[in-house]
Amino acid sequence: MKKQHFTDVPGADVPPPAEGVKIRWLIDDETGAPNFAMRHFEIAAGGQTPFHAHDWEHEVFILTGAGTVMSADGGSDFAPGDVIFMPGGEKHCFKNTGAELVTMLCLVPLDAKKS
């Protein structure tokens, strides 16, 4: 077992075309996880992730803030407590549309870290 506070994990800026996004890999192969990774994202007011797609699915839990998750079919607003399933291959991005920092957990297969 390994326990730590999320702030003890170093964060990194997500490079452009992301805007105002930071990531922490909370649980991954370096922690000993063989299959899945847990990531913590922070999206600043007015920030967003790039509009992109991956082969793998995402499971997202919104912790704080408000925004819109976009897909090829349009957008859907999110708020704290919302959970979002993003299938593999679906183009998407997360936008912070409020004044408060958006924080969210995102779980992906560990292979996503290698891509």
C-alpha atoms as a PDB file:
ATOM      1  CA  MET A   1       0.000   0.000   0.000  1.00  0.00           C
ATOM      2  CA  LYS A   2       1.113   3.540  -0.666  1.00  0.00           C
ATOM      3  CA  LYS A   3      -0.592   6.637   0.754  1.00  0.00           C
ATOM      4  CA  GLN A   4       0.279  10.244   0.074  1.00  0.00           C
ATOM      5  CA  HIS A   5      -1.380  13.637  -0.147  1.00  0.00           C
ATOM      6  CA  PHE A   6      -2.035  14.740  -3.715  1.00  0.00           C
ATOM      7  CA  THR A   7      -0.083  17.970  -3.179  1.00  0.00           C
ATOM      8  CA  ASP A   8       3.036  15.886  -2.508  1.00  0.00           C
ATOM      9  CA  VAL A   9       2.930  14.756  -6.151  1.00  0.00           C
ATOM     10  CA  PRO A  10       4.672  17.264  -8.428  1.00  0.00           C
ATOM     11  CA  GLY A  11       2.435  18.946 -10.964  1.00  0.00           C
ATOM     12  CA  ALA A  12       3.355  19.971 -14.487  1.00  0.00           C
ATOM     13  CA  ASP A  13       1.931  22.414 -16.986  1.00  0.00           C
ATOM     14  CA  VAL A  14       0.198  20.741 -19.920  1.00  0.00           C
ATOM     15  CA  PRO A  15       1.845  22.223 -23.029  1.00  0.00           C
ATOM     16  CA  PRO A  16      -0.022  24.114 -25.765  1.00  0.00           C
ATOM     17  CA  PRO A  17      -2.480  23.863 -27.283  1.00  0.00           C
ATOM     18  CA  ALA A  18      -3.770  23.414 -23.711  1.00  0.00           C
ATOM     19  CA  GLU A  19      -4.358  26.722 -21.933  1.00  0.00           C
ATOM     20  CA  GLY A  20      -3.999  27.094 -18.154  1.00  0.00           C
ATOM     21  CA  VAL A  21      -3.938  23.342 -17.431  1.00  0.00           C
ATOM     22  CA  LYS A  22      -1.811  21.492 -14.857  1.00  0.00           C
ATOM     23  CA  ILE A  23      -1.579  17.713 -14.367  1.00  0.00           C
ATOM     24  CA  ARG A  24      -0.443  15.432 -11.539  1.00  0.00           C
ATOM     25  CA  TRP A  25      -0.039  11.692 -12.128  1.00  0.00           C
ATOM     26  CA  LEU A  26      -1.301  10.569  -8.693  1.00  0.00           C
ATOM     27  CA  ILE A  27      -1.203   6.814  -9.270  1.00  0.00           C
ATOM     28  CA  ASP A  28       0.698   5.146 -12.102  1.00  0.00           C
ATOM     29  CA  ASP A  29       3.385   2.563 -12.797  1.00  0.00           C
ATOM     30  CA  GLU A  30       5.832   4.463 -10.572  1.00  0.00           C
ATOM     31  CA  THR A  31       3.380   3.955  -7.690  1.00  0.00           C
ATOM     32  CA  GLY A  32       3.126   0.257  -8.533  1.00  0.00           C
ATOM     33  CA  ALA A  33      -0.202   0.285 -10.405  1.00  0.00           C
ATOM     34  CA  PRO A  34      -0.115  -2.342 -13.179  1.00  0.00           C
ATOM     35  CA  ASN A  35      -3.242  -1.348 -15.128  1.00  0.00           C
ATOM     36  CA  PHE A  36      -4.684   2.123 -14.488  1.00  0.00           C
ATOM     37  CA  ALA A  37      -3.490   5.656 -13.846  1.00  0.00           C
ATOM     38  CA  MET A  38      -5.226   8.331 -11.766  1.00  0.00           C
ATOM     39  CA  ARG A  39      -4.551  11.905 -12.820  1.00  0.00           C
ATOM     40  CA  HIS A  40      -5.501  15.178 -11.133  1.00  0.00           C
ATOM     41  CA  PHE A  41      -6.116  18.142 -13.423  1.00  0.00           C
ATOM     42  CA  GLU A  42      -6.417  21.834 -12.622  1.00  0.00           C
ATOM     43  CA  ILE A  43      -7.899  24.127 -15.265  1.00  0.00           C
ATOM     44  CA  ALA A  44      -7.610  27.872 -14.608  1.00  0.00           C
ATOM     45  CA  ALA A  45     -10.490  30.258 -15.273  1.00  0.00           C
ATOM     46  CA  GLY A  46     -10.749  30.652 -19.046  1.00  0.00           C
ATOM     47  CA  GLY A  47      -8.466  27.642 -19.613  1.00  0.00           C
ATOM     48  CA  GLN A  48      -9.100  24.470 -21.546  1.00  0.00           C
ATOM     49  CA  THR A  49      -7.612  21.188 -22.640  1.00  0.00           C
ATOM     50  CA  PRO A  50      -6.994  20.675 -26.371  1.00  0.00           C
ATOM     51  CA  PHE A  51      -9.784  19.251 -28.552  1.00  0.00           C
ATOM     52  CA  HIS A  52      -8.366  15.766 -29.106  1.00  0.00           C
ATOM     53  CA  ALA A  53      -9.076  12.029 -29.117  1.00  0.00           C
ATOM     54  CA  HIS A  54      -7.313   8.941 -27.751  1.00  0.00           C
ATOM     55  CA  ASP A  55      -7.761   5.220 -28.274  1.00  0.00           C
ATOM     56  CA  TRP A  56      -8.549   4.788 -24.573  1.00  0.00           C
ATOM     57  CA  GLU A  57     -11.542   5.787 -22.487  1.00  0.00           C
ATOM     58  CA  HIS A  58     -11.545   8.358 -19.682  1.00  0.00           C
ATOM     59  CA  GLU A  59     -13.476   8.280 -16.423  1.00  0.00           C
ATOM     60  CA  VAL A  60     -13.683  11.794 -14.966  1.00  0.00           C
ATOM     61  CA  PHE A  61     -14.920  13.052 -11.584  1.00  0.00           C
ATOM     62  CA  ILE A  62     -15.364  16.830 -11.228  1.00  0.00           C
ATOM     63  CA  LEU A  63     -14.151  18.035  -7.817  1.00  0.00           C
ATOM     64  CA  THR A  64     -14.455  21.840  -8.049  1.00  0.00           C
ATOM     65  CA  GLY A  65     -15.452  24.532 -10.510  1.00  0.00           C
ATOM     66  CA  ALA A  66     -17.807  24.727 -13.458  1.00  0.00           C
ATOM     67  CA  GLY A  67     -17.267  24.274 -17.138  1.00  0.00           C
ATOM     68  CA  THR A  68     -18.257  22.582 -20.345  1.00  0.00           C
ATOM     69  CA  VAL A  69     -17.064  19.285 -21.761  1.00  0.00           C
ATOM     70  CA  MET A  70     -17.090  19.399 -25.547  1.00  0.00           C
ATOM     71  CA  SER A  71     -17.377  16.550 -28.030  1.00  0.00           C
ATOM     72  CA  ALA A  72     -18.050  16.358 -31.751  1.00  0.00           C
ATOM     73  CA  ASP A  73     -21.767  16.291 -30.860  1.00  0.00           C
ATOM     74  CA  GLY A  74     -21.649  19.571 -28.897  1.00  0.00           C
ATOM     75  CA  GLY A  75     -21.147  20.542 -25.271  1.00  0.00           C
ATOM     76  CA  SER A  76     -22.491  19.650 -21.857  1.00  0.00           C
ATOM     77  CA  ASP A  77     -22.045  21.773 -18.736  1.00  0.00           C
ATOM     78  CA  PHE A  78     -20.456  20.200 -15.662  1.00  0.00           C
ATOM     79  CA  ALA A  79     -20.294  21.059 -11.961  1.00  0.00           C
ATOM     80  CA  PRO A  80     -18.784  19.534  -8.802  1.00  0.00           C
ATOM     81  CA  GLY A  81     -19.916  15.961  -8.253  1.00  0.00           C
ATOM     82  CA  ASP A  82     -20.541  15.239 -11.937  1.00  0.00           C
ATOM     83  CA  VAL A  83     -18.987  12.137 -13.471  1.00  0.00           C
ATOM     84  CA  ILE A  84     -18.148  11.953 -17.153  1.00  0.00           C
ATOM     85  CA  PHE A  85     -17.408   8.887 -19.267  1.00  0.00           C
ATOM     86  CA  MET A  86     -15.539   9.673 -22.462  1.00  0.00           C
ATOM     87  CA  PRO A  87     -15.311   6.680 -24.820  1.00  0.00           C
ATOM     88  CA  GLY A  88     -12.082   5.940 -26.628  1.00  0.00           C
ATOM     89  CA  GLY A  89     -11.813   7.604 -30.018  1.00  0.00           C
ATOM     90  CA  GLU A  90     -14.253  10.426 -29.204  1.00  0.00           C
ATOM     91  CA  LYS A  91     -12.872  13.961 -29.709  1.00  0.00           C
ATOM     92  CA  HIS A  92     -13.249  16.031 -26.543  1.00  0.00           C
ATOM     93  CA  CYS A  93     -12.007  18.928 -24.461  1.00  0.00           C
ATOM     94  CA  PHE A  94     -12.742  20.382 -21.035  1.00  0.00           C
ATOM     95  CA  LYS A  95     -13.292  24.137 -20.714  1.00  0.00           C
ATOM     96  CA  ASN A  96     -13.404  26.180 -17.517  1.00  0.00           C
ATOM     97  CA  THR A  97     -16.290  28.606 -18.057  1.00  0.00           C
ATOM     98  CA  GLY A  98     -16.408  29.933 -14.485  1.00  0.00           C
ATOM     99  CA  ALA A  99     -14.291  32.109 -12.220  1.00  0.00           C
ATOM    100  CA  GLU A 100     -13.213  29.241  -9.913  1.00  0.00           C
ATOM    101  CA  LEU A 101     -10.444  26.741 -10.584  1.00  0.00           C
ATOM    102  CA  VAL A 102     -11.745  23.490 -12.104  1.00  0.00           C
ATOM    103  CA  THR A 103     -10.202  20.417 -10.484  1.00  0.00           C
ATOM    104  CA  MET A 104     -10.963  16.889 -11.597  1.00  0.00           C
ATOM    105  CA  LEU A 105      -9.762  13.329 -11.338  1.00  0.00           C
ATOM    106  CA  CYS A 106      -9.307  11.429 -14.583  1.00  0.00           C
ATOM    107  CA  LEU A 107      -8.661   7.693 -14.727  1.00  0.00           C
ATOM    108  CA  VAL A 108      -7.139   6.106 -17.826  1.00  0.00           C
ATOM    109  CA  PRO A 109      -5.409   2.829 -18.707  1.00  0.00           C
ATOM    110  CA  LEU A 110      -1.754   2.945 -17.753  1.00  0.00           C
ATOM    111  CA  ASP A 111      -0.781   2.578 -21.420  1.00  0.00           C
ATOM    112  CA  ALA A 112      -2.093   6.141 -21.904  1.00  0.00           C
ATOM    113  CA  LYS A 113       0.962   7.425 -20.021  1.00  0.00           C
ATOM    114  CA  LYS A 114       3.241   5.927 -22.638  1.00  0.00           C
ATOM    115  CA  SER A 115       1.514   7.754 -25.514  1.00  0.00           C
END
